[in-house]
N, C-alpha and C. Protein backbone atom coordinates (compact mmCIF):
# COMPACT_ATOMS: atom_id res chain seq x y z
N MET A 1 -8.32 27.71 10.39
CA MET A 1 -7.50 27.19 9.57
C MET A 1 -8.12 27.05 8.22
N SER A 2 -7.37 27.39 7.14
CA SER A 2 -8.00 27.42 5.79
C SER A 2 -8.08 26.00 5.17
N LEU A 3 -8.92 25.79 4.09
CA LEU A 3 -8.93 24.41 3.40
C LEU A 3 -7.58 23.88 3.06
N LYS A 4 -6.92 25.13 2.32
CA LYS A 4 -5.70 24.86 1.95
C LYS A 4 -4.72 24.23 2.84
N ALA A 5 -4.68 24.81 3.94
CA ALA A 5 -3.80 24.21 5.01
C ALA A 5 -4.04 22.79 5.19
N TYR A 6 -5.13 22.20 5.07
CA TYR A 6 -5.68 20.81 5.38
C TYR A 6 -5.02 20.01 3.98
N LEU A 7 -5.02 20.55 2.99
CA LEU A 7 -4.50 20.08 1.73
C LEU A 7 -3.21 19.97 1.34
N TYR A 8 -2.57 21.03 1.59
CA TYR A 8 -1.15 21.30 1.16
C TYR A 8 -0.18 21.85 2.06
N GLY A 9 0.86 21.24 2.19
CA GLY A 9 1.82 21.77 3.16
C GLY A 9 3.40 21.71 2.36
N PRO A 10 4.41 21.86 3.24
CA PRO A 10 5.76 22.14 2.62
C PRO A 10 6.10 20.65 1.99
N PHE A 11 5.69 19.37 2.46
CA PHE A 11 6.00 18.25 1.79
C PHE A 11 4.97 17.43 1.14
N THR A 12 3.98 18.11 0.90
CA THR A 12 2.77 17.35 0.29
C THR A 12 3.06 16.94 -1.17
N ARG A 13 3.58 17.76 -1.93
CA ARG A 13 4.08 17.56 -3.27
C ARG A 13 4.88 16.19 -3.24
N LEU A 14 5.81 16.02 -2.35
CA LEU A 14 6.88 14.92 -2.35
C LEU A 14 5.95 13.70 -1.98
N GLY A 15 5.06 13.87 -1.05
CA GLY A 15 4.09 12.58 -0.70
C GLY A 15 3.30 12.25 -1.85
N LEU A 16 2.64 13.10 -2.54
CA LEU A 16 1.78 12.82 -3.60
C LEU A 16 2.54 12.23 -4.96
N ILE A 17 3.86 12.71 -5.29
CA ILE A 17 4.68 11.99 -6.05
C ILE A 17 5.07 10.75 -5.63
N VAL A 18 5.31 10.33 -4.48
CA VAL A 18 5.53 8.93 -4.20
C VAL A 18 4.30 8.32 -4.18
N ALA A 19 3.06 8.76 -3.70
CA ALA A 19 1.83 7.97 -3.89
C ALA A 19 1.58 7.56 -5.19
N ALA A 20 1.85 8.54 -6.15
CA ALA A 20 1.58 8.19 -7.90
C ALA A 20 2.37 7.19 -8.16
N ILE A 21 3.84 7.14 -7.93
CA ILE A 21 4.72 6.39 -8.31
C ILE A 21 4.46 4.97 -7.85
N SER A 22 4.12 4.93 -6.47
CA SER A 22 3.92 3.63 -5.83
C SER A 22 2.54 2.90 -6.39
N CYS A 23 1.61 3.87 -6.72
CA CYS A 23 0.26 3.10 -7.31
C CYS A 23 0.60 2.85 -8.53
N ALA A 24 1.27 3.71 -9.40
CA ALA A 24 1.73 3.27 -10.96
C ALA A 24 2.38 1.83 -10.94
N ILE A 25 3.25 1.83 -10.23
CA ILE A 25 4.15 0.53 -10.25
C ILE A 25 3.32 -0.63 -9.85
N ASP A 26 2.62 -0.43 -8.76
CA ASP A 26 1.62 -1.63 -8.35
C ASP A 26 0.64 -2.13 -9.49
N GLN A 27 0.07 -0.99 -10.05
CA GLN A 27 -0.89 -1.37 -11.11
C GLN A 27 -0.30 -1.87 -12.47
N ALA A 28 0.98 -1.35 -12.68
CA ALA A 28 1.59 -1.83 -13.89
C ALA A 28 1.92 -3.32 -13.67
N ALA A 29 2.62 -3.65 -12.45
CA ALA A 29 2.72 -5.01 -12.06
C ALA A 29 1.41 -6.04 -12.29
N LYS A 30 0.44 -5.57 -11.76
CA LYS A 30 -0.77 -6.35 -11.64
C LYS A 30 -1.27 -6.49 -13.18
N LEU A 31 -1.34 -5.37 -13.85
CA LEU A 31 -1.92 -5.45 -15.25
C LEU A 31 -0.89 -6.38 -16.08
N TRP A 32 0.52 -6.26 -15.96
CA TRP A 32 1.34 -7.19 -16.69
C TRP A 32 1.19 -8.69 -16.23
N LEU A 33 0.97 -8.90 -14.97
CA LEU A 33 0.77 -10.31 -14.57
C LEU A 33 -0.45 -10.73 -15.14
N LEU A 34 -1.57 -10.07 -15.07
CA LEU A 34 -2.97 -10.42 -15.58
C LEU A 34 -2.98 -10.60 -17.05
N TYR A 35 -2.48 -9.66 -17.81
CA TYR A 35 -2.84 -9.57 -19.17
C TYR A 35 -1.61 -10.04 -19.98
N ALA A 36 -0.41 -9.89 -19.83
CA ALA A 36 0.68 -9.99 -20.59
C ALA A 36 1.26 -11.49 -20.24
N PHE A 37 1.56 -11.54 -19.00
CA PHE A 37 2.08 -12.85 -18.37
C PHE A 37 0.91 -13.93 -18.24
N ASP A 38 -0.24 -13.59 -18.18
CA ASP A 38 -1.50 -14.47 -18.12
C ASP A 38 -1.39 -15.43 -16.95
N LEU A 39 -1.15 -14.67 -15.64
CA LEU A 39 -0.88 -15.48 -14.62
C LEU A 39 -2.15 -16.47 -14.17
N ALA A 40 -3.23 -15.95 -14.40
CA ALA A 40 -4.61 -16.80 -14.18
C ALA A 40 -4.32 -18.18 -14.95
N ASN A 41 -3.77 -18.31 -16.11
CA ASN A 41 -3.73 -19.64 -16.58
C ASN A 41 -2.47 -20.27 -16.41
N ARG A 42 -1.38 -19.80 -15.66
CA ARG A 42 -0.16 -20.39 -15.32
C ARG A 42 -0.22 -21.07 -14.01
N GLY A 43 -0.96 -20.80 -13.29
CA GLY A 43 -0.83 -21.27 -11.77
C GLY A 43 0.36 -20.74 -11.05
N ILE A 44 0.97 -21.66 -10.11
CA ILE A 44 1.87 -21.11 -9.47
C ILE A 44 3.22 -21.16 -10.22
N VAL A 45 3.85 -19.97 -9.98
CA VAL A 45 4.95 -19.68 -10.71
C VAL A 45 6.34 -19.50 -9.65
N HIS A 46 7.14 -20.78 -9.61
CA HIS A 46 8.38 -20.64 -8.38
C HIS A 46 9.32 -19.81 -9.17
N LEU A 47 9.72 -18.77 -8.36
CA LEU A 47 10.70 -17.88 -8.57
C LEU A 47 12.11 -18.38 -7.84
N THR A 48 11.81 -18.66 -6.54
CA THR A 48 13.02 -19.27 -5.77
C THR A 48 12.30 -20.24 -4.82
N PRO A 49 13.12 -20.99 -4.07
CA PRO A 49 12.82 -21.90 -3.16
C PRO A 49 11.94 -21.34 -2.23
N PHE A 50 11.87 -20.02 -1.96
CA PHE A 50 11.01 -19.37 -0.80
C PHE A 50 10.03 -18.26 -1.43
N LEU A 51 10.04 -18.14 -2.95
CA LEU A 51 9.12 -17.03 -3.32
C LEU A 51 8.57 -17.50 -4.58
N ASP A 52 7.13 -17.50 -4.47
CA ASP A 52 6.22 -17.78 -5.53
C ASP A 52 5.48 -16.51 -6.05
N ILE A 53 5.06 -16.71 -7.34
CA ILE A 53 3.95 -15.89 -7.89
C ILE A 53 2.65 -16.57 -8.04
N VAL A 54 1.68 -16.26 -7.35
CA VAL A 54 0.32 -17.06 -7.65
C VAL A 54 -0.81 -15.88 -7.50
N LEU A 55 -1.66 -16.17 -8.41
CA LEU A 55 -3.02 -15.24 -8.17
C LEU A 55 -3.94 -15.62 -7.36
N THR A 56 -4.28 -14.60 -6.46
CA THR A 56 -5.35 -14.76 -5.49
C THR A 56 -6.20 -13.47 -5.55
N TRP A 57 -7.51 -13.59 -5.47
CA TRP A 57 -8.27 -12.20 -5.12
C TRP A 57 -8.77 -12.31 -3.86
N ASN A 58 -8.57 -11.11 -3.23
CA ASN A 58 -8.87 -10.83 -1.70
C ASN A 58 -10.25 -10.04 -1.64
N ILE A 59 -11.16 -10.51 -1.29
CA ILE A 59 -12.42 -9.85 -1.22
C ILE A 59 -12.75 -9.11 0.00
N GLY A 60 -11.66 -9.08 1.07
CA GLY A 60 -11.82 -8.58 2.37
C GLY A 60 -10.73 -7.24 2.36
N ILE A 61 -10.54 -7.09 3.66
CA ILE A 61 -9.32 -6.00 3.95
C ILE A 61 -7.99 -7.06 4.23
N SER A 62 -7.09 -6.16 4.77
CA SER A 62 -5.67 -6.79 4.87
C SER A 62 -5.97 -8.42 5.43
N TYR A 63 -5.22 -9.30 4.96
CA TYR A 63 -5.27 -10.75 5.24
C TYR A 63 -6.42 -11.38 5.08
N GLY A 64 -7.27 -10.80 4.23
CA GLY A 64 -8.48 -11.34 3.82
C GLY A 64 -9.55 -11.28 4.89
N TRP A 65 -9.33 -10.46 6.03
CA TRP A 65 -10.38 -10.03 7.11
C TRP A 65 -11.50 -9.38 6.54
N PHE A 66 -12.55 -9.66 7.03
CA PHE A 66 -13.91 -9.26 6.67
C PHE A 66 -14.34 -9.34 5.22
N PRO A 67 -14.20 -10.44 4.73
CA PRO A 67 -14.52 -10.62 3.24
C PRO A 67 -16.08 -10.22 2.92
N GLN A 68 -16.09 -9.44 1.80
CA GLN A 68 -17.24 -8.76 1.20
C GLN A 68 -17.49 -9.22 -0.04
N GLU A 69 -18.67 -10.01 -0.27
CA GLU A 69 -18.91 -10.46 -1.69
C GLU A 69 -20.14 -9.61 -2.10
N SER A 70 -20.72 -9.00 -1.40
CA SER A 70 -21.86 -8.04 -1.99
C SER A 70 -21.26 -6.82 -2.49
N ASP A 71 -22.07 -6.10 -3.51
CA ASP A 71 -21.74 -4.91 -3.93
C ASP A 71 -21.80 -4.02 -2.73
N PHE A 72 -22.85 -3.95 -1.78
CA PHE A 72 -22.77 -3.09 -0.64
C PHE A 72 -21.58 -3.02 0.25
N GLY A 73 -21.29 -4.27 0.45
CA GLY A 73 -19.72 -4.54 1.37
C GLY A 73 -18.81 -3.98 0.53
N ARG A 74 -18.58 -4.32 -0.63
CA ARG A 74 -17.42 -3.67 -1.17
C ARG A 74 -17.36 -2.28 -1.47
N PHE A 75 -18.68 -1.69 -1.44
CA PHE A 75 -18.82 -0.15 -1.40
C PHE A 75 -18.43 0.30 0.04
N VAL A 76 -18.72 -0.36 1.09
CA VAL A 76 -18.29 0.15 2.41
C VAL A 76 -16.92 0.00 2.70
N LEU A 77 -16.35 -1.05 2.07
CA LEU A 77 -14.75 -1.06 2.15
C LEU A 77 -14.18 0.14 1.44
N LEU A 78 -14.81 0.46 0.31
CA LEU A 78 -14.05 1.60 -0.57
C LEU A 78 -14.24 2.89 0.20
N ALA A 79 -15.56 2.88 0.92
CA ALA A 79 -15.78 4.32 1.51
C ALA A 79 -14.80 4.47 2.65
N LEU A 80 -14.58 3.34 3.39
CA LEU A 80 -13.63 3.33 4.62
C LEU A 80 -12.34 3.83 4.11
N LYS A 81 -11.90 3.03 2.93
CA LYS A 81 -10.41 3.30 2.40
C LYS A 81 -10.50 4.95 1.93
N ALA A 82 -11.28 5.38 1.38
CA ALA A 82 -11.52 6.85 1.09
C ALA A 82 -11.35 7.65 2.19
N ALA A 83 -12.19 7.49 3.38
CA ALA A 83 -12.06 8.10 4.45
C ALA A 83 -10.72 8.13 4.97
N ALA A 84 -9.93 6.94 5.06
CA ALA A 84 -8.65 6.85 5.57
C ALA A 84 -7.61 7.59 4.70
N VAL A 85 -7.75 7.81 3.32
CA VAL A 85 -6.93 8.56 2.61
C VAL A 85 -7.21 9.93 2.90
N VAL A 86 -8.39 10.52 3.10
CA VAL A 86 -8.69 11.83 3.30
C VAL A 86 -7.96 12.19 4.66
N VAL A 87 -7.75 11.36 5.64
CA VAL A 87 -7.31 11.42 6.88
C VAL A 87 -5.56 11.58 6.78
N LEU A 88 -5.23 10.70 5.82
CA LEU A 88 -3.76 10.57 5.64
C LEU A 88 -3.40 11.78 4.80
N TRP A 89 -4.14 12.26 3.91
CA TRP A 89 -3.69 13.30 3.14
C TRP A 89 -3.59 14.61 4.06
N ALA A 90 -4.61 14.79 5.01
CA ALA A 90 -4.61 15.87 6.11
C ALA A 90 -3.27 15.84 6.69
N TRP A 91 -2.88 14.60 7.07
CA TRP A 91 -1.62 14.28 7.95
C TRP A 91 -0.58 14.71 6.91
N LEU A 92 -0.48 14.42 5.86
CA LEU A 92 0.57 14.71 4.76
C LEU A 92 0.72 16.23 4.75
N ALA A 93 -0.35 16.97 4.68
CA ALA A 93 -0.41 18.44 4.60
C ALA A 93 0.50 19.08 5.65
N ARG A 94 0.46 18.29 6.82
CA ARG A 94 0.99 18.98 8.03
C ARG A 94 2.35 18.41 8.36
N ALA A 95 2.97 17.45 7.38
CA ALA A 95 4.04 16.73 7.75
C ALA A 95 5.27 17.78 7.58
N GLU A 96 6.06 17.63 8.75
CA GLU A 96 7.11 18.58 8.72
C GLU A 96 8.64 17.92 8.70
N LEU A 97 8.59 16.48 8.25
CA LEU A 97 9.65 15.75 7.82
C LEU A 97 9.40 15.02 6.54
N ARG A 98 10.67 14.89 5.74
CA ARG A 98 10.52 14.08 4.51
C ARG A 98 10.17 12.55 4.76
N LEU A 99 10.72 12.25 5.86
CA LEU A 99 10.55 10.78 5.98
C LEU A 99 8.90 10.66 6.31
N THR A 100 8.28 11.58 6.95
CA THR A 100 6.79 11.55 7.18
C THR A 100 6.08 11.64 5.77
N ALA A 101 6.49 12.37 4.86
CA ALA A 101 5.71 12.48 3.58
C ALA A 101 6.19 11.48 2.59
N LEU A 102 7.21 10.90 3.00
CA LEU A 102 7.53 9.64 2.04
C LEU A 102 6.64 8.53 2.58
N SER A 103 6.73 8.29 3.80
CA SER A 103 5.89 7.14 4.50
C SER A 103 4.33 7.31 4.17
N LEU A 104 3.73 8.53 4.27
CA LEU A 104 2.42 8.68 3.93
C LEU A 104 2.11 8.59 2.54
N GLY A 105 3.04 9.04 1.60
CA GLY A 105 3.00 8.66 0.36
C GLY A 105 2.82 7.29 -0.02
N LEU A 106 3.76 6.42 0.48
CA LEU A 106 3.56 5.14 0.19
C LEU A 106 2.31 4.45 0.74
N ILE A 107 1.70 4.83 1.77
CA ILE A 107 0.42 4.37 2.26
C ILE A 107 -0.71 4.76 1.45
N ILE A 108 -0.53 6.13 0.88
CA ILE A 108 -1.65 6.59 0.20
C ILE A 108 -1.84 5.81 -1.06
N GLY A 109 -0.60 5.80 -1.85
CA GLY A 109 -0.27 5.08 -3.06
C GLY A 109 -0.85 3.72 -3.05
N GLY A 110 -0.39 2.95 -1.90
CA GLY A 110 -0.62 1.46 -1.93
C GLY A 110 -2.41 1.38 -1.61
N ALA A 111 -2.99 2.28 -0.97
CA ALA A 111 -4.26 2.35 -0.79
C ALA A 111 -4.85 2.48 -2.07
N PHE A 112 -4.38 3.50 -2.87
CA PHE A 112 -5.13 3.66 -4.11
C PHE A 112 -4.96 2.62 -5.07
N GLY A 113 -3.82 2.06 -4.95
CA GLY A 113 -3.57 0.73 -5.86
C GLY A 113 -4.51 -0.39 -5.63
N ASN A 114 -4.81 -0.79 -4.37
CA ASN A 114 -5.84 -1.65 -3.93
C ASN A 114 -7.19 -1.29 -4.17
N ALA A 115 -7.47 0.10 -4.21
CA ALA A 115 -8.86 0.61 -4.39
C ALA A 115 -9.19 0.53 -5.94
N ILE A 116 -8.15 0.68 -6.70
CA ILE A 116 -8.32 0.54 -8.20
C ILE A 116 -8.79 -1.04 -8.45
N ASP A 117 -7.85 -1.88 -7.85
CA ASP A 117 -8.39 -3.13 -7.90
C ASP A 117 -9.81 -3.48 -7.83
N ARG A 118 -10.30 -3.01 -6.47
CA ARG A 118 -11.57 -3.29 -6.06
C ARG A 118 -12.59 -2.70 -6.79
N LEU A 119 -12.39 -1.55 -7.28
CA LEU A 119 -13.35 -0.85 -8.31
C LEU A 119 -13.24 -1.63 -9.64
N ALA A 120 -12.09 -2.08 -10.08
CA ALA A 120 -12.11 -2.83 -11.50
C ALA A 120 -12.44 -4.13 -11.51
N HIS A 121 -11.96 -4.91 -10.35
CA HIS A 121 -12.32 -6.45 -10.49
C HIS A 121 -13.22 -6.86 -9.33
N GLY A 122 -13.79 -5.94 -8.44
CA GLY A 122 -14.46 -6.39 -7.22
C GLY A 122 -13.71 -6.98 -6.06
N ALA A 123 -12.34 -7.18 -6.28
CA ALA A 123 -11.55 -7.82 -5.30
C ALA A 123 -10.10 -7.04 -5.36
N VAL A 124 -9.19 -7.43 -4.48
CA VAL A 124 -7.79 -6.81 -4.79
C VAL A 124 -6.96 -8.14 -5.25
N MET A 125 -6.16 -7.81 -6.19
CA MET A 125 -5.16 -8.90 -6.92
C MET A 125 -4.03 -8.87 -6.02
N ASP A 126 -3.90 -10.19 -5.42
CA ASP A 126 -2.57 -10.56 -4.70
C ASP A 126 -1.76 -11.42 -5.34
N PHE A 127 -0.53 -11.44 -5.40
CA PHE A 127 0.37 -12.46 -6.21
C PHE A 127 1.65 -12.69 -5.66
N VAL A 128 2.22 -12.19 -4.58
CA VAL A 128 3.36 -12.64 -4.15
C VAL A 128 3.17 -13.48 -2.71
N LEU A 129 3.74 -14.50 -2.92
CA LEU A 129 3.83 -15.64 -1.95
C LEU A 129 5.04 -16.07 -1.37
N PHE A 130 5.42 -15.67 -0.17
CA PHE A 130 6.57 -15.92 0.52
C PHE A 130 6.44 -17.18 1.62
N HIS A 131 7.44 -18.17 1.35
CA HIS A 131 7.08 -19.38 2.35
C HIS A 131 8.56 -19.91 2.59
N ILE A 132 8.67 -20.56 3.54
CA ILE A 132 9.84 -21.45 3.95
C ILE A 132 9.38 -22.89 4.21
N THR A 133 10.14 -23.79 3.52
CA THR A 133 9.63 -25.16 3.67
C THR A 133 11.15 -25.94 3.92
N THR A 134 11.01 -26.59 4.98
CA THR A 134 12.10 -27.55 5.21
C THR A 134 11.48 -28.96 5.49
N PRO A 135 12.27 -29.98 5.69
CA PRO A 135 11.67 -31.31 5.89
C PRO A 135 10.83 -31.49 7.23
N SER A 136 11.15 -30.60 8.22
CA SER A 136 10.49 -30.37 9.48
C SER A 136 9.68 -29.35 9.69
N PHE A 137 9.75 -28.30 8.91
CA PHE A 137 8.94 -27.04 9.27
C PHE A 137 8.39 -26.38 7.80
N ARG A 138 7.31 -25.85 8.04
CA ARG A 138 6.75 -25.08 6.96
C ARG A 138 6.01 -23.79 7.45
N PHE A 139 6.52 -22.59 6.81
CA PHE A 139 5.92 -21.35 7.14
C PHE A 139 5.34 -20.78 5.86
N THR A 140 4.15 -20.34 5.66
CA THR A 140 3.71 -19.52 4.60
C THR A 140 3.05 -18.23 5.04
N TRP A 141 3.37 -17.29 4.54
CA TRP A 141 2.94 -15.93 4.80
C TRP A 141 1.82 -15.87 3.83
N TYR A 142 1.05 -14.59 4.00
CA TYR A 142 -0.22 -14.37 3.53
C TYR A 142 0.24 -13.85 2.01
N VAL A 143 -0.52 -14.22 0.92
CA VAL A 143 -0.28 -13.68 -0.34
C VAL A 143 -0.62 -12.24 -0.35
N PHE A 144 0.23 -11.37 -0.86
CA PHE A 144 0.36 -9.95 -0.95
C PHE A 144 0.68 -9.47 -2.22
N ASN A 145 0.68 -8.10 -2.58
CA ASN A 145 0.98 -7.42 -3.70
C ASN A 145 1.88 -6.31 -3.53
N LEU A 146 2.30 -5.42 -4.53
CA LEU A 146 3.14 -4.41 -4.20
C LEU A 146 2.66 -3.26 -3.58
N ALA A 147 1.27 -3.07 -3.56
CA ALA A 147 0.59 -1.97 -2.93
C ALA A 147 0.80 -2.32 -1.28
N ASP A 148 0.42 -3.49 -0.97
CA ASP A 148 0.62 -3.87 0.51
C ASP A 148 2.15 -3.63 0.88
N ALA A 149 3.01 -3.89 0.08
CA ALA A 149 4.34 -3.87 0.47
C ALA A 149 4.60 -2.25 0.53
N ALA A 150 4.15 -1.44 -0.18
CA ALA A 150 4.28 0.07 -0.07
C ALA A 150 3.61 0.56 1.31
N ILE A 151 2.46 -0.10 1.68
CA ILE A 151 1.67 0.26 2.85
C ILE A 151 2.57 -0.06 3.96
N VAL A 152 3.18 -1.33 4.00
CA VAL A 152 3.97 -1.79 5.27
C VAL A 152 5.28 -0.89 5.30
N ALA A 153 5.85 -0.65 4.06
CA ALA A 153 7.02 0.30 4.17
C ALA A 153 6.70 1.55 4.74
N GLY A 154 5.58 2.17 4.39
CA GLY A 154 5.04 3.34 5.05
C GLY A 154 4.92 3.35 6.32
N VAL A 155 4.23 2.32 6.87
CA VAL A 155 4.06 2.11 8.40
C VAL A 155 5.30 1.98 8.99
N ILE A 156 6.31 1.41 8.45
CA ILE A 156 7.68 1.07 9.07
C ILE A 156 8.25 2.57 9.30
N GLY A 157 8.18 3.24 8.08
CA GLY A 157 8.73 4.55 8.17
C GLY A 157 8.27 5.49 9.15
N LEU A 158 6.96 5.34 9.44
CA LEU A 158 6.22 6.27 10.44
C LEU A 158 6.60 5.67 11.71
N LEU A 159 6.72 4.27 12.04
CA LEU A 159 7.28 3.98 13.24
C LEU A 159 8.68 4.43 13.42
N TYR A 160 9.37 4.23 12.55
CA TYR A 160 10.69 4.68 12.74
C TYR A 160 10.95 6.10 13.17
N GLU A 161 10.25 6.89 12.44
CA GLU A 161 10.38 8.36 12.84
C GLU A 161 9.66 8.71 14.41
N SER A 162 8.62 7.86 14.52
CA SER A 162 8.03 8.07 15.77
C SER A 162 9.11 7.65 16.77
N LEU A 163 9.79 6.79 16.78
CA LEU A 163 10.86 6.05 17.64
C LEU A 163 12.05 6.92 17.84
N PHE A 164 12.55 7.45 16.57
CA PHE A 164 13.77 8.06 16.49
C PHE A 164 13.84 9.52 16.14
N ARG A 165 12.59 10.05 16.20
CA ARG A 165 12.61 11.69 15.80
C ARG A 165 13.44 12.38 16.52
N GLY A 166 13.47 12.41 17.62
CA GLY A 166 14.45 13.25 18.46
C GLY A 166 15.86 12.81 18.46
N ALA A 167 16.24 11.67 17.89
CA ALA A 167 17.54 11.21 17.83
C ALA A 167 18.51 12.09 16.98
N ALA A 168 18.12 12.50 15.66
CA ALA A 168 18.82 13.28 14.93
C ALA A 168 18.06 14.17 14.17
N PRO A 169 18.53 15.38 13.97
CA PRO A 169 17.67 16.39 13.32
C PRO A 169 17.56 15.91 11.90
N ASP A 170 16.53 16.25 11.31
CA ASP A 170 16.32 16.03 9.82
C ASP A 170 16.63 17.18 9.10
N GLU A 171 17.63 17.13 8.13
CA GLU A 171 17.86 18.17 7.49
C GLU A 171 16.66 18.81 6.55
N GLY A 172 15.68 17.91 6.16
CA GLY A 172 14.80 18.23 5.29
C GLY A 172 13.47 18.74 6.05
N ALA A 173 13.63 18.99 7.36
CA ALA A 173 12.49 19.48 8.14
C ALA A 173 12.14 20.77 7.70
N ALA A 174 10.72 21.06 7.58
CA ALA A 174 10.27 22.45 7.16
C ALA A 174 10.58 23.34 8.09
N LYS A 175 10.98 24.51 7.91
CA LYS A 175 11.21 25.65 8.81
C LYS A 175 9.84 26.23 9.08
N ALA A 176 9.92 26.42 10.62
CA ALA A 176 8.57 27.17 11.20
C ALA A 176 8.74 28.49 11.00
N PRO A 177 7.48 29.21 10.41
CA PRO A 177 7.57 30.50 10.16
C PRO A 177 7.56 31.33 11.35
């Protein structure tokens, strides 16, 4: 199998466009919140009774697991992320369905968005806080960002495809040669 087959397939362009758009939206939101909105000096911004904007810096991976404060630890996390993106890109090149390409594009774009943060700031900027508070109950989700939301949406798309792939044919499926 040629190197081109590992890098490019029928839906690679779609996946990479989705990755670029999701990464750009994530980075634009983060840059605006940091520098135009000045979130660092505003504290918690209450948008709704269940949704706040608050600045946190994640030095670990998802949900703050495996926090890394050293340069070496951050490099290891970036190297793991780079390896994951290479594997996801190879999967994207072999994608036969638009949903697969869209989903992988969201995951790759989210990974790049968070990697840019780690390179630029040494940590990933998170800012969305979902919570439910009643007189007798309190639920608070982890603080996340738009890159994280793209990754989750991509994983949901892949799960949907894996569960329901045979249920209905995809009109966008690539034709076998």
